[in-house]
Structures are given as structure tokens and as C-alpha cells.
Amino acid sequence: MKWPEELVNEAEKNMEPYDVEGFVLGSGDEKADIMIVGEAPGENEAVKGRPFIGRAGDELNKHLDYAGLSRNEVYITSVVRSRPYKWVDTNKKGSGGRRKANRKPNQKEIDAHAHLLDYQIAEMDPKIIIALGGVAYQRLTGKKDKMTDVIGQSFQVPVQKKRGTGYELTEKTYTIIPLYHPAAVFYNPRIKDTIWESLDHLKSEIEKNSRRKE
């Protein structure tokens, strides 16, 4: 995707006060009908500059495969493009007793990269936007629903875009489908069945969208 230089520079400058590292704009088919929006890069992503690699990436690949998709058929991005981290104690040899651990991005970090996501959505005009996790869902819709209440459902709604110090809703509506973040199952294996059920709903929505284009 051809990025306006001022947008990238603005985002990088806005993130300077925060404990973040790396910068991952996204990857995939820029003309795809489906955009996947995650939370933020993790350690591997920040180092290699690609979204969803490592364990979470493998899990996402399984989910895409189940839904009849591949990475070549979607565009993957995130709410925040730099890895938010915090320092934690560790006993690992050679670490000096401290290491960087992933953390959830705060609102100021989400705001700092907001114009990048706004630009991507406007440029791509995707038929379906998959929100991976609560941070992505809330950033897109402005709603604070529990993921357990909305997982796998399809919502035809406007999305939030940054305006001044706040957000406003777009005139255009988009199909938003919230799914669990692929890494969620590592911490809560009990959601496995719900994940596959939500992917069944996603498959149905993709099939509906394909029929509408015929």
C-alpha cells in the first residue's frame, strides 16, 4: 500500500513518548474484500516487521484455513502498529533480571495510530472487516460490548474515524465480524469450541458476500 509520508511520520512521532518498539504497517492483498484488524504487534512481529507470525500467526493460519481463506486473500493490519511493552522481572540467564513483556495498548497509543487505520479502511473499502479481540472491536465500532456477547456475529455498522481529539462515525457502513484474538486460546483453552463456532459464522458471511457479487 502506498502510504502518505506525512501519516507515517505523524504516527511515529506520536508514539515517541510511549514504551513501544517496531513499526508494522500491515501485509496481504491490498485489493482484498476482507481486512483483518488485530490489536498490536508482538515481539516477533516488531522485530521482523510482519503481522501475526510465531504461535499466534500459526493459530491465525489455522482459523483462516478453516474459513476457506489464505493470507494471500486477505489484508492483515492492527489498531496499533508498534509493540507496546512493559518491563517485568525474570530469572532467565543473561537477561539482567528484567525483560520486555507484551501489554495491551492504552488509549493514547490507539489514538496515535488512528489515522493510519482510517486511511487503510478508506483506501481498501473492504466488504468484511474482522476485528480480532476487544481492542480492535472497540476501536472500530466505539462499543464496549463483551466479546462473549458478540463473538462471530455480523454487524452492519459505520466505523469510527479520528477527528480532532475524538472520533466520529463514517457515513458508510461496513460488515464487522468480531472474533477472538488467535492468542486468546493459549490462555483460555475452554474457548476452543466457541472459536470454531464463530468461524462457522464467518464462513457463512463470506459465502453470502460471494453470492451478492455474482
N, C-alpha and C. Protein backbone atom coordinates (compact mmCIF):
# COMPACT_ATOMS: atom_id res chain seq x y z
N MET A 1 0.85 -1.19 0.00
CA MET A 1 0.00 0.00 0.00
C MET A 1 0.89 1.25 0.00
N LYS A 2 0.56 2.18 -0.86
CA LYS A 2 1.32 3.44 -0.93
C LYS A 2 0.82 4.36 0.18
N TRP A 3 1.71 4.66 1.13
CA TRP A 3 1.32 5.43 2.30
C TRP A 3 1.71 6.90 2.15
N PRO A 4 0.82 7.82 2.49
CA PRO A 4 1.22 9.22 2.57
C PRO A 4 2.31 9.38 3.63
N GLU A 5 3.42 9.95 3.24
CA GLU A 5 4.56 10.06 4.15
C GLU A 5 4.22 10.80 5.43
N GLU A 6 3.34 11.81 5.30
CA GLU A 6 3.01 12.61 6.49
C GLU A 6 2.26 11.79 7.53
N LEU A 7 1.45 10.81 7.07
CA LEU A 7 0.71 9.96 8.01
C LEU A 7 1.65 9.07 8.80
N VAL A 8 2.60 8.47 8.11
CA VAL A 8 3.56 7.59 8.77
C VAL A 8 4.43 8.39 9.74
N ASN A 9 4.90 9.55 9.29
CA ASN A 9 5.73 10.40 10.16
C ASN A 9 4.95 10.85 11.40
N GLU A 10 3.68 11.19 11.19
CA GLU A 10 2.84 11.63 12.31
C GLU A 10 2.70 10.51 13.34
N ALA A 11 2.43 9.29 12.85
CA ALA A 11 2.25 8.16 13.77
C ALA A 11 3.52 7.87 14.55
N GLU A 12 4.65 7.87 13.87
CA GLU A 12 5.91 7.58 14.54
C GLU A 12 6.23 8.66 15.60
N LYS A 13 5.97 9.90 15.25
CA LYS A 13 6.22 10.99 16.19
C LYS A 13 5.28 10.90 17.40
N ASN A 14 4.01 10.58 17.14
CA ASN A 14 3.03 10.48 18.22
C ASN A 14 3.36 9.38 19.21
N MET A 15 4.07 8.34 18.76
CA MET A 15 4.37 7.21 19.63
C MET A 15 5.64 7.40 20.44
N GLU A 16 6.38 8.45 20.17
CA GLU A 16 7.68 8.64 20.84
C GLU A 16 7.61 8.65 22.38
N PRO A 17 6.54 9.20 22.99
CA PRO A 17 6.53 9.24 24.47
C PRO A 17 6.25 7.89 25.12
N TYR A 18 5.89 6.87 24.36
CA TYR A 18 5.40 5.63 24.95
C TYR A 18 6.40 4.48 24.83
N ASP A 19 6.22 3.48 25.71
CA ASP A 19 7.09 2.31 25.69
C ASP A 19 6.61 1.35 24.60
N VAL A 20 7.10 1.59 23.40
CA VAL A 20 6.75 0.76 22.24
C VAL A 20 8.01 0.54 21.41
N GLU A 21 7.95 -0.46 20.52
CA GLU A 21 9.06 -0.70 19.63
C GLU A 21 8.56 -1.31 18.32
N GLY A 22 9.34 -1.12 17.25
CA GLY A 22 8.96 -1.66 15.95
C GLY A 22 7.89 -0.82 15.28
N PHE A 23 7.62 -1.15 14.02
CA PHE A 23 6.59 -0.44 13.27
C PHE A 23 6.12 -1.35 12.15
N VAL A 24 4.89 -1.84 12.26
CA VAL A 24 4.35 -2.83 11.32
C VAL A 24 3.08 -2.26 10.68
N LEU A 25 3.16 -1.92 9.41
CA LEU A 25 2.02 -1.28 8.75
C LEU A 25 0.95 -2.29 8.34
N GLY A 26 1.35 -3.50 7.96
CA GLY A 26 0.38 -4.49 7.52
C GLY A 26 0.92 -5.30 6.36
N SER A 27 0.17 -6.33 5.97
CA SER A 27 0.60 -7.13 4.81
C SER A 27 -0.60 -7.87 4.24
N GLY A 28 -0.46 -8.28 2.97
CA GLY A 28 -1.52 -9.03 2.32
C GLY A 28 -1.97 -8.39 1.03
N ASP A 29 -3.15 -8.79 0.57
CA ASP A 29 -3.72 -8.30 -0.68
C ASP A 29 -4.43 -6.97 -0.42
N GLU A 30 -3.88 -5.92 -0.99
CA GLU A 30 -4.45 -4.58 -0.74
C GLU A 30 -5.79 -4.37 -1.46
N LYS A 31 -6.14 -5.30 -2.36
CA LYS A 31 -7.44 -5.23 -3.04
C LYS A 31 -8.41 -6.27 -2.51
N ALA A 32 -8.07 -6.87 -1.40
CA ALA A 32 -8.90 -7.93 -0.83
C ALA A 32 -10.24 -7.40 -0.35
N ASP A 33 -11.24 -8.28 -0.34
CA ASP A 33 -12.56 -7.94 0.20
C ASP A 33 -12.57 -8.01 1.72
N ILE A 34 -11.57 -8.68 2.29
CA ILE A 34 -11.56 -8.92 3.73
C ILE A 34 -10.33 -8.28 4.37
N MET A 35 -10.57 -7.45 5.36
CA MET A 35 -9.50 -6.85 6.16
C MET A 35 -9.56 -7.43 7.56
N ILE A 36 -8.42 -7.84 8.08
CA ILE A 36 -8.32 -8.36 9.44
C ILE A 36 -7.58 -7.33 10.29
N VAL A 37 -8.20 -6.92 11.38
CA VAL A 37 -7.61 -5.91 12.26
C VAL A 37 -7.31 -6.53 13.62
N GLY A 38 -6.02 -6.59 13.97
CA GLY A 38 -5.62 -7.11 15.27
C GLY A 38 -5.41 -5.99 16.26
N GLU A 39 -4.78 -6.32 17.37
CA GLU A 39 -4.57 -5.35 18.45
C GLU A 39 -3.28 -4.55 18.25
N ALA A 40 -2.15 -5.25 18.23
CA ALA A 40 -0.83 -4.62 18.09
C ALA A 40 0.20 -5.72 17.83
N PRO A 41 1.34 -5.37 17.27
CA PRO A 41 2.38 -6.39 17.07
C PRO A 41 2.91 -6.92 18.40
N GLY A 42 3.38 -8.17 18.36
CA GLY A 42 4.09 -8.73 19.50
C GLY A 42 5.59 -8.63 19.25
N GLU A 43 6.36 -9.34 20.05
CA GLU A 43 7.82 -9.24 19.95
C GLU A 43 8.34 -9.67 18.58
N ASN A 44 7.90 -10.84 18.11
CA ASN A 44 8.38 -11.34 16.81
C ASN A 44 7.99 -10.41 15.67
N GLU A 45 6.75 -9.93 15.72
CA GLU A 45 6.27 -9.03 14.68
C GLU A 45 7.06 -7.73 14.63
N ALA A 46 7.36 -7.20 15.81
CA ALA A 46 8.10 -5.93 15.89
C ALA A 46 9.50 -6.08 15.30
N VAL A 47 10.12 -7.24 15.52
CA VAL A 47 11.47 -7.48 15.01
C VAL A 47 11.47 -7.69 13.50
N LYS A 48 10.51 -8.50 13.02
CA LYS A 48 10.52 -8.88 11.60
C LYS A 48 9.65 -8.00 10.71
N GLY A 49 8.84 -7.14 11.32
CA GLY A 49 8.06 -6.19 10.54
C GLY A 49 6.88 -6.78 9.80
N ARG A 50 6.39 -7.95 10.25
CA ARG A 50 5.24 -8.59 9.62
C ARG A 50 4.20 -8.94 10.68
N PRO A 51 2.91 -8.78 10.38
CA PRO A 51 1.89 -9.08 11.39
C PRO A 51 1.63 -10.57 11.53
N PHE A 52 1.31 -10.97 12.73
CA PHE A 52 0.88 -12.34 13.04
C PHE A 52 1.84 -13.40 12.52
N ILE A 53 2.99 -13.49 13.18
CA ILE A 53 3.91 -14.59 12.94
C ILE A 53 4.14 -15.29 14.28
N GLY A 54 4.86 -16.38 14.29
CA GLY A 54 5.03 -17.13 15.53
C GLY A 54 3.79 -17.92 15.89
N ARG A 55 3.59 -18.18 17.17
CA ARG A 55 2.48 -19.03 17.62
C ARG A 55 1.12 -18.45 17.25
N ALA A 56 0.95 -17.15 17.50
CA ALA A 56 -0.34 -16.52 17.17
C ALA A 56 -0.58 -16.55 15.67
N GLY A 57 0.48 -16.38 14.89
CA GLY A 57 0.35 -16.45 13.44
C GLY A 57 -0.05 -17.83 12.96
N ASP A 58 0.54 -18.87 13.57
CA ASP A 58 0.17 -20.25 13.22
C ASP A 58 -1.29 -20.50 13.52
N GLU A 59 -1.74 -19.98 14.66
CA GLU A 59 -3.15 -20.17 15.05
C GLU A 59 -4.07 -19.43 14.08
N LEU A 60 -3.68 -18.21 13.70
CA LEU A 60 -4.48 -17.46 12.73
C LEU A 60 -4.55 -18.20 11.40
N ASN A 61 -3.45 -18.78 10.98
CA ASN A 61 -3.45 -19.54 9.72
C ASN A 61 -4.44 -20.70 9.78
N LYS A 62 -4.52 -21.37 10.93
CA LYS A 62 -5.50 -22.46 11.10
C LYS A 62 -6.92 -21.94 10.96
N HIS A 63 -7.16 -20.78 11.57
CA HIS A 63 -8.50 -20.20 11.52
C HIS A 63 -8.87 -19.79 10.09
N LEU A 64 -7.92 -19.19 9.40
CA LEU A 64 -8.18 -18.79 8.01
C LEU A 64 -8.45 -20.01 7.15
N ASP A 65 -7.65 -21.04 7.34
CA ASP A 65 -7.82 -22.27 6.56
C ASP A 65 -9.20 -22.87 6.80
N TYR A 66 -9.63 -22.88 8.06
CA TYR A 66 -10.95 -23.43 8.40
C TYR A 66 -12.06 -22.62 7.71
N ALA A 67 -11.84 -21.33 7.60
CA ALA A 67 -12.84 -20.45 6.97
C ALA A 67 -12.73 -20.44 5.44
N GLY A 68 -11.80 -21.23 4.91
CA GLY A 68 -11.63 -21.30 3.46
C GLY A 68 -10.83 -20.14 2.89
N LEU A 69 -9.97 -19.55 3.71
CA LEU A 69 -9.19 -18.40 3.28
C LEU A 69 -7.70 -18.68 3.42
N SER A 70 -6.90 -17.84 2.80
CA SER A 70 -5.46 -17.87 3.00
C SER A 70 -4.98 -16.44 3.20
N ARG A 71 -3.76 -16.28 3.64
CA ARG A 71 -3.21 -14.94 3.83
C ARG A 71 -3.15 -14.15 2.53
N ASN A 72 -3.03 -14.85 1.43
CA ASN A 72 -2.96 -14.16 0.13
C ASN A 72 -4.29 -13.53 -0.27
N GLU A 73 -5.37 -13.93 0.41
CA GLU A 73 -6.70 -13.45 0.05
C GLU A 73 -7.24 -12.39 1.00
N VAL A 74 -6.45 -12.00 1.99
CA VAL A 74 -6.90 -11.02 2.97
C VAL A 74 -5.81 -9.97 3.17
N TYR A 75 -6.17 -8.90 3.86
CA TYR A 75 -5.17 -7.91 4.27
C TYR A 75 -5.18 -7.87 5.78
N ILE A 76 -4.00 -7.96 6.39
CA ILE A 76 -3.88 -8.02 7.85
C ILE A 76 -3.18 -6.76 8.37
N THR A 77 -3.80 -6.14 9.34
CA THR A 77 -3.22 -4.94 9.94
C THR A 77 -3.58 -4.93 11.43
N SER A 78 -3.39 -3.80 12.10
CA SER A 78 -3.70 -3.73 13.53
C SER A 78 -4.04 -2.31 13.95
N VAL A 79 -4.64 -2.20 15.11
CA VAL A 79 -5.03 -0.90 15.65
C VAL A 79 -3.80 -0.05 15.95
N VAL A 80 -2.81 -0.66 16.61
CA VAL A 80 -1.55 0.00 16.94
C VAL A 80 -0.45 -0.71 16.16
N ARG A 81 0.47 0.06 15.56
CA ARG A 81 1.46 -0.54 14.66
C ARG A 81 2.81 -0.81 15.32
N SER A 82 2.98 -0.39 16.56
CA SER A 82 4.21 -0.64 17.30
C SER A 82 3.89 -1.52 18.50
N ARG A 83 4.86 -2.31 18.91
CA ARG A 83 4.63 -3.25 20.02
C ARG A 83 4.64 -2.52 21.36
N PRO A 84 3.51 -2.48 22.08
CA PRO A 84 3.52 -1.92 23.44
C PRO A 84 4.15 -2.95 24.39
N TYR A 85 5.05 -2.51 25.24
CA TYR A 85 5.68 -3.46 26.16
C TYR A 85 5.77 -2.86 27.56
N LYS A 86 6.03 -3.74 28.51
CA LYS A 86 6.30 -3.32 29.89
C LYS A 86 7.47 -4.16 30.40
N TRP A 87 8.20 -3.62 31.35
CA TRP A 87 9.32 -4.35 31.93
C TRP A 87 8.82 -5.23 33.07
N VAL A 88 9.25 -6.50 33.05
CA VAL A 88 8.87 -7.44 34.10
C VAL A 88 10.13 -8.17 34.59
N ASP A 89 10.06 -8.70 35.80
CA ASP A 89 11.18 -9.45 36.34
C ASP A 89 11.25 -10.83 35.71
N THR A 90 12.47 -11.35 35.57
CA THR A 90 12.65 -12.68 35.00
C THR A 90 13.91 -13.32 35.58
N ASN A 91 13.92 -14.66 35.61
CA ASN A 91 15.09 -15.40 36.07
C ASN A 91 15.94 -15.91 34.91
N LYS A 92 15.57 -15.53 33.70
CA LYS A 92 16.27 -16.03 32.52
C LYS A 92 17.73 -15.58 32.53
N LYS A 93 18.63 -16.52 32.21
CA LYS A 93 20.06 -16.22 32.20
C LYS A 93 20.40 -15.16 31.18
N GLY A 94 21.28 -14.26 31.55
CA GLY A 94 21.75 -13.24 30.62
C GLY A 94 20.79 -12.10 30.39
N SER A 95 19.67 -12.09 31.10
CA SER A 95 18.66 -11.05 30.90
C SER A 95 18.86 -9.84 31.81
N GLY A 96 19.72 -10.01 32.82
CA GLY A 96 19.89 -8.93 33.78
C GLY A 96 18.74 -8.82 34.76
N GLY A 97 17.88 -9.85 34.78
CA GLY A 97 16.76 -9.88 35.73
C GLY A 97 15.49 -9.19 35.25
N ARG A 98 15.53 -8.62 34.05
CA ARG A 98 14.34 -7.94 33.52
C ARG A 98 14.17 -8.27 32.04
N ARG A 99 12.91 -8.25 31.60
CA ARG A 99 12.64 -8.46 30.17
C ARG A 99 11.42 -7.64 29.77
N LYS A 100 11.26 -7.45 28.46
CA LYS A 100 10.09 -6.75 27.94
C LYS A 100 8.96 -7.76 27.72
N ALA A 101 7.78 -7.45 28.22
CA ALA A 101 6.60 -8.30 28.02
C ALA A 101 5.55 -7.51 27.26
N ASN A 102 4.77 -8.21 26.44
CA ASN A 102 3.68 -7.56 25.72
C ASN A 102 2.64 -7.02 26.71
N ARG A 103 1.98 -5.95 26.31
CA ARG A 103 0.87 -5.42 27.10
C ARG A 103 -0.19 -4.87 26.14
N LYS A 104 -1.37 -4.66 26.69
CA LYS A 104 -2.46 -4.07 25.90
C LYS A 104 -2.16 -2.60 25.64
N PRO A 105 -2.39 -2.10 24.41
CA PRO A 105 -2.15 -0.67 24.15
C PRO A 105 -3.13 0.20 24.92
N ASN A 106 -2.65 1.37 25.34
CA ASN A 106 -3.56 2.29 26.02
C ASN A 106 -4.24 3.20 24.99
N GLN A 107 -5.17 4.01 25.45
CA GLN A 107 -5.97 4.82 24.53
C GLN A 107 -5.12 5.83 23.78
N LYS A 108 -4.12 6.41 24.43
CA LYS A 108 -3.27 7.39 23.74
C LYS A 108 -2.48 6.73 22.61
N GLU A 109 -2.06 5.50 22.82
CA GLU A 109 -1.35 4.77 21.76
C GLU A 109 -2.29 4.41 20.61
N ILE A 110 -3.52 4.07 20.95
CA ILE A 110 -4.52 3.80 19.91
C ILE A 110 -4.79 5.07 19.10
N ASP A 111 -4.92 6.18 19.79
CA ASP A 111 -5.15 7.47 19.11
C ASP A 111 -3.97 7.83 18.20
N ALA A 112 -2.75 7.52 18.66
CA ALA A 112 -1.55 7.92 17.92
C ALA A 112 -1.49 7.29 16.53
N HIS A 113 -2.06 6.11 16.38
CA HIS A 113 -2.03 5.42 15.09
C HIS A 113 -3.39 5.40 14.39
N ALA A 114 -4.34 6.14 14.92
CA ALA A 114 -5.71 6.08 14.40
C ALA A 114 -5.81 6.47 12.93
N HIS A 115 -5.09 7.50 12.52
CA HIS A 115 -5.21 7.96 11.13
C HIS A 115 -4.71 6.92 10.14
N LEU A 116 -3.78 6.07 10.55
CA LEU A 116 -3.30 5.01 9.66
C LEU A 116 -4.41 4.01 9.36
N LEU A 117 -5.12 3.57 10.40
CA LEU A 117 -6.21 2.62 10.18
C LEU A 117 -7.34 3.27 9.38
N ASP A 118 -7.65 4.52 9.69
CA ASP A 118 -8.68 5.24 8.93
C ASP A 118 -8.33 5.26 7.44
N TYR A 119 -7.07 5.53 7.15
CA TYR A 119 -6.61 5.61 5.76
C TYR A 119 -6.74 4.25 5.08
N GLN A 120 -6.32 3.20 5.76
CA GLN A 120 -6.39 1.87 5.17
C GLN A 120 -7.82 1.47 4.84
N ILE A 121 -8.72 1.72 5.77
CA ILE A 121 -10.12 1.34 5.54
C ILE A 121 -10.70 2.12 4.37
N ALA A 122 -10.44 3.42 4.32
CA ALA A 122 -10.96 4.25 3.23
C ALA A 122 -10.38 3.82 1.88
N GLU A 123 -9.08 3.51 1.85
CA GLU A 123 -8.43 3.11 0.60
C GLU A 123 -8.89 1.74 0.13
N MET A 124 -9.00 0.78 1.04
CA MET A 124 -9.35 -0.58 0.66
C MET A 124 -10.85 -0.77 0.47
N ASP A 125 -11.65 -0.07 1.28
CA ASP A 125 -13.10 -0.22 1.24
C ASP A 125 -13.50 -1.70 1.30
N PRO A 126 -13.08 -2.41 2.36
CA PRO A 126 -13.33 -3.86 2.41
C PRO A 126 -14.80 -4.20 2.58
N LYS A 127 -15.17 -5.36 2.05
CA LYS A 127 -16.55 -5.83 2.21
C LYS A 127 -16.78 -6.33 3.64
N ILE A 128 -15.74 -6.95 4.22
CA ILE A 128 -15.83 -7.50 5.58
C ILE A 128 -14.59 -7.06 6.36
N ILE A 129 -14.80 -6.60 7.59
CA ILE A 129 -13.69 -6.30 8.48
C ILE A 129 -13.79 -7.24 9.68
N ILE A 130 -12.76 -8.06 9.88
CA ILE A 130 -12.72 -8.97 11.01
C ILE A 130 -11.94 -8.29 12.14
N ALA A 131 -12.60 -8.12 13.28
CA ALA A 131 -11.97 -7.49 14.44
C ALA A 131 -11.48 -8.59 15.38
N LEU A 132 -10.16 -8.74 15.49
CA LEU A 132 -9.60 -9.79 16.34
C LEU A 132 -9.40 -9.26 17.76
N GLY A 133 -10.35 -9.55 18.62
CA GLY A 133 -10.25 -9.14 20.02
C GLY A 133 -10.97 -7.85 20.35
N GLY A 134 -11.10 -7.59 21.63
CA GLY A 134 -11.88 -6.46 22.11
C GLY A 134 -11.31 -5.11 21.75
N VAL A 135 -9.98 -4.97 21.74
CA VAL A 135 -9.37 -3.68 21.41
C VAL A 135 -9.73 -3.28 19.98
N ALA A 136 -9.63 -4.22 19.04
CA ALA A 136 -9.96 -3.94 17.65
C ALA A 136 -11.45 -3.65 17.49
N TYR A 137 -12.28 -4.45 18.14
CA TYR A 137 -13.73 -4.26 18.04
C TYR A 137 -14.15 -2.89 18.57
N GLN A 138 -13.62 -2.50 19.72
CA GLN A 138 -14.00 -1.21 20.31
C GLN A 138 -13.47 -0.05 19.47
N ARG A 139 -12.24 -0.19 18.96
CA ARG A 139 -11.67 0.88 18.12
C ARG A 139 -12.52 1.09 16.87
N LEU A 140 -12.99 0.01 16.27
CA LEU A 140 -13.76 0.12 15.03
C LEU A 140 -15.18 0.63 15.27
N THR A 141 -15.83 0.11 16.29
CA THR A 141 -17.26 0.40 16.47
C THR A 141 -17.54 1.46 17.54
N GLY A 142 -16.60 1.66 18.46
CA GLY A 142 -16.85 2.55 19.58
C GLY A 142 -17.68 1.91 20.68
N LYS A 143 -18.02 0.63 20.52
CA LYS A 143 -18.85 -0.06 21.50
C LYS A 143 -17.99 -0.85 22.49
N LYS A 144 -18.50 -1.00 23.71
CA LYS A 144 -17.75 -1.69 24.76
C LYS A 144 -18.39 -3.02 25.12
N ASP A 145 -19.01 -3.67 24.15
CA ASP A 145 -19.63 -4.97 24.40
C ASP A 145 -18.59 -5.99 24.85
N LYS A 146 -19.01 -6.95 25.65
CA LYS A 146 -18.15 -8.08 25.98
C LYS A 146 -17.99 -8.96 24.74
N MET A 147 -16.78 -9.44 24.51
CA MET A 147 -16.56 -10.29 23.34
C MET A 147 -17.43 -11.54 23.39
N THR A 148 -17.69 -12.05 24.58
CA THR A 148 -18.53 -13.26 24.69
C THR A 148 -19.95 -13.00 24.17
N ASP A 149 -20.38 -11.74 24.16
CA ASP A 149 -21.74 -11.41 23.71
C ASP A 149 -21.83 -11.17 22.20
N VAL A 150 -20.69 -10.89 21.57
CA VAL A 150 -20.75 -10.51 20.14
C VAL A 150 -19.93 -11.42 19.24
N ILE A 151 -19.19 -12.35 19.81
CA ILE A 151 -18.26 -13.16 19.04
C ILE A 151 -18.95 -13.87 17.86
N GLY A 152 -18.37 -13.71 16.69
CA GLY A 152 -18.86 -14.40 15.50
C GLY A 152 -20.08 -13.77 14.85
N GLN A 153 -20.67 -12.75 15.47
CA GLN A 153 -21.84 -12.12 14.88
C GLN A 153 -21.42 -11.14 13.79
N SER A 154 -22.36 -10.82 12.93
CA SER A 154 -22.11 -9.89 11.84
C SER A 154 -22.88 -8.60 12.09
N PHE A 155 -22.17 -7.47 12.06
CA PHE A 155 -22.79 -6.17 12.31
C PHE A 155 -22.57 -5.26 11.11
N GLN A 156 -23.65 -4.70 10.60
CA GLN A 156 -23.57 -3.74 9.50
C GLN A 156 -23.63 -2.35 10.13
N VAL A 157 -22.46 -1.75 10.34
CA VAL A 157 -22.39 -0.51 11.11
C VAL A 157 -21.35 0.43 10.52
N PRO A 158 -21.46 1.74 10.83
CA PRO A 158 -20.35 2.65 10.49
C PRO A 158 -19.17 2.35 11.39
N VAL A 159 -17.99 2.80 11.01
CA VAL A 159 -16.82 2.62 11.86
C VAL A 159 -16.32 3.98 12.35
N GLN A 160 -15.57 3.95 13.42
CA GLN A 160 -15.02 5.19 13.96
C GLN A 160 -13.83 5.67 13.14
N LYS A 161 -13.73 6.97 12.98
CA LYS A 161 -12.52 7.56 12.41
C LYS A 161 -12.13 8.76 13.26
N LYS A 162 -10.84 9.00 13.32
CA LYS A 162 -10.31 10.06 14.19
C LYS A 162 -10.70 11.43 13.64
N ARG A 163 -11.13 12.28 14.52
CA ARG A 163 -11.43 13.66 14.16
C ARG A 163 -11.08 14.54 15.35
N GLY A 164 -10.10 15.42 15.18
CA GLY A 164 -9.68 16.27 16.29
C GLY A 164 -9.15 15.44 17.44
N THR A 165 -9.68 15.68 18.62
CA THR A 165 -9.23 14.93 19.79
C THR A 165 -10.11 13.71 20.07
N GLY A 166 -11.14 13.52 19.25
CA GLY A 166 -12.05 12.39 19.46
C GLY A 166 -12.27 11.59 18.18
N TYR A 167 -13.43 10.97 18.10
CA TYR A 167 -13.77 10.15 16.95
C TYR A 167 -15.17 10.50 16.46
N GLU A 168 -15.42 10.22 15.19
CA GLU A 168 -16.76 10.33 14.63
C GLU A 168 -17.02 9.08 13.81
N LEU A 169 -18.29 8.81 13.50
CA LEU A 169 -18.63 7.63 12.73
C LEU A 169 -18.66 7.96 11.24
N THR A 170 -18.22 7.02 10.43
CA THR A 170 -18.25 7.20 8.98
C THR A 170 -19.69 7.18 8.47
N GLU A 171 -19.92 7.83 7.35
CA GLU A 171 -21.24 7.76 6.72
C GLU A 171 -21.48 6.36 6.16
N LYS A 172 -20.46 5.76 5.64
CA LYS A 172 -20.55 4.43 5.05
C LYS A 172 -20.62 3.37 6.15
N THR A 173 -21.36 2.31 5.92
CA THR A 173 -21.39 1.19 6.86
C THR A 173 -20.54 0.04 6.33
N TYR A 174 -20.04 -0.76 7.25
CA TYR A 174 -19.19 -1.90 6.93
C TYR A 174 -19.70 -3.13 7.67
N THR A 175 -19.41 -4.29 7.14
CA THR A 175 -19.72 -5.53 7.83
C THR A 175 -18.57 -5.86 8.78
N ILE A 176 -18.84 -5.77 10.07
CA ILE A 176 -17.84 -6.03 11.10
C ILE A 176 -18.14 -7.38 11.76
N ILE A 177 -17.14 -8.25 11.81
CA ILE A 177 -17.30 -9.55 12.48
C ILE A 177 -16.23 -9.69 13.56
N PRO A 178 -16.60 -9.63 14.84
CA PRO A 178 -15.62 -9.80 15.91
C PRO A 178 -15.31 -11.28 16.15
N LEU A 179 -14.02 -11.58 16.26
CA LEU A 179 -13.55 -12.93 16.60
C LEU A 179 -12.56 -12.81 17.75
N TYR A 180 -12.33 -13.90 18.44
CA TYR A 180 -11.29 -13.89 19.47
C TYR A 180 -9.92 -13.71 18.81
N HIS A 181 -9.05 -13.02 19.51
CA HIS A 181 -7.67 -12.92 19.07
C HIS A 181 -7.08 -14.34 19.06
N PRO A 182 -6.30 -14.71 18.03
CA PRO A 182 -5.77 -16.08 17.96
C PRO A 182 -5.00 -16.51 19.20
N ALA A 183 -4.34 -15.56 19.88
CA ALA A 183 -3.56 -15.92 21.07
C ALA A 183 -4.44 -16.21 22.28
N ALA A 184 -5.72 -15.85 22.22
CA ALA A 184 -6.60 -16.00 23.39
C ALA A 184 -6.71 -17.45 23.84
N VAL A 185 -6.67 -18.37 22.89
CA VAL A 185 -6.83 -19.78 23.23
C VAL A 185 -5.64 -20.31 24.03
N PHE A 186 -4.49 -19.67 23.94
CA PHE A 186 -3.33 -20.11 24.72
C PHE A 186 -3.56 -19.89 26.21
N TYR A 187 -4.33 -18.87 26.53
CA TYR A 187 -4.57 -18.51 27.93
C TYR A 187 -5.89 -19.07 28.46
N ASN A 188 -6.78 -19.42 27.53
CA ASN A 188 -8.09 -19.93 27.92
C ASN A 188 -8.54 -21.01 26.94
N PRO A 189 -8.05 -22.24 27.09
CA PRO A 189 -8.38 -23.33 26.16
C PRO A 189 -9.87 -23.64 26.09
N ARG A 190 -10.63 -23.20 27.10
CA ARG A 190 -12.07 -23.52 27.12
C ARG A 190 -12.85 -22.82 26.01
N ILE A 191 -12.25 -21.83 25.36
CA ILE A 191 -12.98 -21.11 24.32
C ILE A 191 -12.84 -21.77 22.94
N LYS A 192 -12.17 -22.92 22.87
CA LYS A 192 -11.93 -23.57 21.57
C LYS A 192 -13.22 -23.78 20.78
N ASP A 193 -14.23 -24.36 21.43
CA ASP A 193 -15.49 -24.65 20.74
C ASP A 193 -16.13 -23.36 20.22
N THR A 194 -16.08 -22.31 21.04
CA THR A 194 -16.65 -21.03 20.63
C THR A 194 -15.91 -20.47 19.42
N ILE A 195 -14.60 -20.65 19.38
CA ILE A 195 -13.80 -20.17 18.25
C ILE A 195 -14.27 -20.82 16.96
N TRP A 196 -14.43 -22.16 16.98
CA TRP A 196 -14.84 -22.85 15.74
C TRP A 196 -16.26 -22.46 15.34
N GLU A 197 -17.13 -22.27 16.32
CA GLU A 197 -18.50 -21.83 16.02
C GLU A 197 -18.48 -20.44 15.37
N SER A 198 -17.65 -19.55 15.89
CA SER A 198 -17.58 -18.19 15.33
C SER A 198 -17.01 -18.23 13.91
N LEU A 199 -16.10 -19.16 13.66
CA LEU A 199 -15.55 -19.29 12.31
C LEU A 199 -16.58 -19.86 11.34
N ASP A 200 -17.49 -20.68 11.84
CA ASP A 200 -18.60 -21.15 11.00
C ASP A 200 -19.47 -19.97 10.57
N HIS A 201 -19.72 -19.04 11.50
CA HIS A 201 -20.49 -17.83 11.17
C HIS A 201 -19.74 -16.99 10.14
N LEU A 202 -18.43 -16.90 10.30
CA LEU A 202 -17.62 -16.15 9.34
C LEU A 202 -17.73 -16.77 7.95
N LYS A 203 -17.64 -18.09 7.87
CA LYS A 203 -17.75 -18.77 6.58
C LYS A 203 -19.09 -18.45 5.91
N SER A 204 -20.15 -18.45 6.71
CA SER A 204 -21.49 -18.15 6.15
C SER A 204 -21.54 -16.73 5.60
N GLU A 205 -20.93 -15.79 6.31
CA GLU A 205 -20.93 -14.40 5.86
C GLU A 205 -20.11 -14.24 4.59
N ILE A 206 -19.01 -14.94 4.49
CA ILE A 206 -18.18 -14.90 3.27
C ILE A 206 -18.96 -15.45 2.09
N GLU A 207 -19.68 -16.54 2.32
CA GLU A 207 -20.48 -17.14 1.24
C GLU A 207 -21.59 -16.18 0.80
N LYS A 208 -22.23 -15.52 1.76
CA LYS A 208 -23.27 -14.54 1.42
C LYS A 208 -22.68 -13.42 0.57
N ASN A 209 -21.52 -12.94 0.97
CA ASN A 209 -20.87 -11.85 0.25
C ASN A 209 -20.51 -12.27 -1.17
N SER A 210 -20.08 -13.53 -1.33
CA SER A 210 -19.74 -14.04 -2.66
C SER A 210 -20.97 -14.11 -3.54
N ARG A 211 -22.11 -14.50 -2.97
CA ARG A 211 -23.34 -14.57 -3.76
C ARG A 211 -23.80 -13.18 -4.17
N ARG A 212 -23.60 -12.20 -3.31
CA ARG A 212 -24.02 -10.82 -3.63
C ARG A 212 -23.23 -10.28 -4.83
N LYS A 213 -21.98 -10.76 -5.00
CA LYS A 213 -21.14 -10.27 -6.10
C LYS A 213 -21.46 -10.94 -7.42
N GLU A 214 -22.16 -12.09 -7.38
CA GLU A 214 -22.46 -12.84 -8.63
C GLU A 214 -23.55 -12.14 -9.43
